Amino acid sequence: MLAVRDAEKVAAAAGGRLVVFGSLAEGGFDERSDIDVALMAVPAGRDGDVALDVELALADAGFTADVIPERFLSESLRNRIAERGIEPGALG
């Protein structure tokens, strides 16, 4: 999905990366779905601003997004992302 790959460029410019999880990664994504992404490897002092920039990039493309900085991931969500999350470049 081009919008997520474009949003990944925002994360990469800050030294981070995105991992997609939820319905877009696992199936069932439709026009009512939001895009769930974890923002990884961005320092705590910058991750909030970068997460907002990623969210705005996806909004500009017409999507609602939940962008979660790595430090706010619960252990269970971190495990789910590790097991089922995918890199934006792997999206169709």
C-alpha atoms as a PDB file:
ATOM      1  CA  MET A   1       0.000   0.000   0.000  1.00  0.00           C
ATOM      2  CA  LEU A   2       1.583   3.201  -1.228  1.00  0.00           C
ATOM      3  CA  ALA A   3       0.278   5.387   1.628  1.00  0.00           C
ATOM      4  CA  VAL A   4       2.012   3.248   4.261  1.00  0.00           C
ATOM      5  CA  ARG A   5       5.252   3.143   2.295  1.00  0.00           C
ATOM      6  CA  ASP A   6       5.132   6.941   2.047  1.00  0.00           C
ATOM      7  CA  ALA A   7       4.492   7.183   5.797  1.00  0.00           C
ATOM      8  CA  GLU A   8       7.457   4.887   6.364  1.00  0.00           C
ATOM      9  CA  LYS A   9       9.674   7.509   4.710  1.00  0.00           C
ATOM     10  CA  VAL A  10       8.645   9.923   7.475  1.00  0.00           C
ATOM     11  CA  ALA A  11       9.749   7.401  10.106  1.00  0.00           C
ATOM     12  CA  ALA A  12      12.965   6.623   8.246  1.00  0.00           C
ATOM     13  CA  ALA A  13      13.878  10.315   8.073  1.00  0.00           C
ATOM     14  CA  ALA A  14      13.845  10.263  11.891  1.00  0.00           C
ATOM     15  CA  GLY A  15      15.960   7.099  12.019  1.00  0.00           C
ATOM     16  CA  GLY A  16      12.996   4.808  12.684  1.00  0.00           C
ATOM     17  CA  ARG A  17      10.830   2.306  10.925  1.00  0.00           C
ATOM     18  CA  LEU A  18       7.198   1.237  10.828  1.00  0.00           C
ATOM     19  CA  VAL A  19       5.706  -2.196  11.406  1.00  0.00           C
ATOM     20  CA  VAL A  20       2.121  -2.744  10.271  1.00  0.00           C
ATOM     21  CA  PHE A  21      -0.147  -4.915  12.388  1.00  0.00           C
ATOM     22  CA  GLY A  22      -3.874  -5.510  12.772  1.00  0.00           C
ATOM     23  CA  SER A  23      -6.286  -6.081   9.918  1.00  0.00           C
ATOM     24  CA  LEU A  24      -4.015  -4.682   7.201  1.00  0.00           C
ATOM     25  CA  ALA A  25      -1.288  -7.171   8.134  1.00  0.00           C
ATOM     26  CA  GLU A  26      -3.473 -10.090   9.188  1.00  0.00           C
ATOM     27  CA  GLY A  27      -6.413  -9.833   6.800  1.00  0.00           C
ATOM     28  CA  GLY A  28      -9.888  -8.383   6.983  1.00  0.00           C
ATOM     29  CA  PHE A  29      -8.906  -4.807   6.095  1.00  0.00           C
ATOM     30  CA  ASP A  30     -11.772  -2.911   4.441  1.00  0.00           C
ATOM     31  CA  GLU A  31     -12.935   0.666   3.862  1.00  0.00           C
ATOM     32  CA  ARG A  32     -14.021   1.017   7.514  1.00  0.00           C
ATOM     33  CA  SER A  33     -10.689  -0.190   8.906  1.00  0.00           C
ATOM     34  CA  ASP A  34      -7.988   1.971  10.353  1.00  0.00           C
ATOM     35  CA  ILE A  35      -4.295   1.347   9.791  1.00  0.00           C
ATOM     36  CA  ASP A  36      -2.380   0.125  12.826  1.00  0.00           C
ATOM     37  CA  VAL A  37       1.356   0.822  12.850  1.00  0.00           C
ATOM     38  CA  ALA A  38       4.073   0.613  15.448  1.00  0.00           C
ATOM     39  CA  LEU A  39       6.760   3.275  15.275  1.00  0.00           C
ATOM     40  CA  MET A  40      10.050   1.577  16.093  1.00  0.00           C
ATOM     41  CA  ALA A  41      13.562   2.828  16.922  1.00  0.00           C
ATOM     42  CA  VAL A  42      12.795   6.528  17.327  1.00  0.00           C
ATOM     43  CA  PRO A  43      14.204   8.073  20.521  1.00  0.00           C
ATOM     44  CA  ALA A  44      11.679   8.871  23.248  1.00  0.00           C
ATOM     45  CA  GLY A  45      12.209  12.617  22.926  1.00  0.00           C
ATOM     46  CA  ARG A  46      11.167  12.580  19.273  1.00  0.00           C
ATOM     47  CA  ASP A  47       8.767   9.657  18.949  1.00  0.00           C
ATOM     48  CA  GLY A  48       5.600  11.633  19.723  1.00  0.00           C
ATOM     49  CA  ASP A  49       6.272  14.210  17.020  1.00  0.00           C
ATOM     50  CA  VAL A  50       7.273  11.559  14.491  1.00  0.00           C
ATOM     51  CA  ALA A  51       4.167   9.479  15.319  1.00  0.00           C
ATOM     52  CA  LEU A  52       2.011  12.542  14.673  1.00  0.00           C
ATOM     53  CA  ASP A  53       3.782  13.183  11.361  1.00  0.00           C
ATOM     54  CA  VAL A  54       3.197   9.542  10.332  1.00  0.00           C
ATOM     55  CA  GLU A  55      -0.462   9.799  11.326  1.00  0.00           C
ATOM     56  CA  LEU A  56      -0.861  13.012   9.321  1.00  0.00           C
ATOM     57  CA  ALA A  57       0.823  11.455   6.276  1.00  0.00           C
ATOM     58  CA  LEU A  58      -1.681   8.595   6.379  1.00  0.00           C
ATOM     59  CA  ALA A  59      -4.572  11.028   6.955  1.00  0.00           C
ATOM     60  CA  ASP A  60      -3.477  13.028   3.904  1.00  0.00           C
ATOM     61  CA  ALA A  61      -3.871   9.800   1.912  1.00  0.00           C
ATOM     62  CA  GLY A  62      -7.407   9.362   3.291  1.00  0.00           C
ATOM     63  CA  PHE A  63      -6.761   6.846   6.076  1.00  0.00           C
ATOM     64  CA  THR A  64      -7.391   6.849   9.794  1.00  0.00           C
ATOM     65  CA  ALA A  65      -4.399   5.466  11.653  1.00  0.00           C
ATOM     66  CA  ASP A  66      -3.318   4.333  15.091  1.00  0.00           C
ATOM     67  CA  VAL A  67       0.400   5.046  15.333  1.00  0.00           C
ATOM     68  CA  ILE A  68       1.965   3.692  18.503  1.00  0.00           C
ATOM     69  CA  PRO A  69       5.533   4.572  19.463  1.00  0.00           C
ATOM     70  CA  GLU A  70       7.574   1.550  20.531  1.00  0.00           C
ATOM     71  CA  ARG A  71       7.892   2.656  24.157  1.00  0.00           C
ATOM     72  CA  PHE A  72       4.097   2.556  24.564  1.00  0.00           C
ATOM     73  CA  LEU A  73       3.636  -1.006  23.288  1.00  0.00           C
ATOM     74  CA  SER A  74       2.394  -3.407  25.921  1.00  0.00           C
ATOM     75  CA  GLU A  75       4.232  -6.698  26.190  1.00  0.00           C
ATOM     76  CA  SER A  76       1.320  -8.595  24.639  1.00  0.00           C
ATOM     77  CA  LEU A  77       1.048  -6.158  21.713  1.00  0.00           C
ATOM     78  CA  ARG A  78       4.829  -6.202  21.251  1.00  0.00           C
ATOM     79  CA  ASN A  79       4.666 -10.012  21.015  1.00  0.00           C
ATOM     80  CA  ARG A  80       1.749  -9.888  18.551  1.00  0.00           C
ATOM     81  CA  ILE A  81       3.655  -7.436  16.359  1.00  0.00           C
ATOM     82  CA  ALA A  82       6.779  -9.601  16.498  1.00  0.00           C
ATOM     83  CA  GLU A  83       4.746 -12.650  15.420  1.00  0.00           C
ATOM     84  CA  ARG A  84       2.370 -11.129  12.872  1.00  0.00           C
ATOM     85  CA  GLY A  85       3.538  -7.625  12.013  1.00  0.00           C
ATOM     86  CA  ILE A  86       4.898  -6.878   8.566  1.00  0.00           C
ATOM     87  CA  GLU A  87       7.153  -4.252   7.070  1.00  0.00           C
ATOM     88  CA  PRO A  88       5.382  -1.726   4.804  1.00  0.00           C
ATOM     89  CA  GLY A  89       7.389  -2.880   1.784  1.00  0.00           C
ATOM     90  CA  ALA A  90       5.767  -6.315   2.070  1.00  0.00           C
ATOM     91  CA  LEU A  91       2.269  -4.895   1.555  1.00  0.00           C
ATOM     92  CA  GLY A  92       0.641  -5.428  -1.809  1.00  0.00           C
END
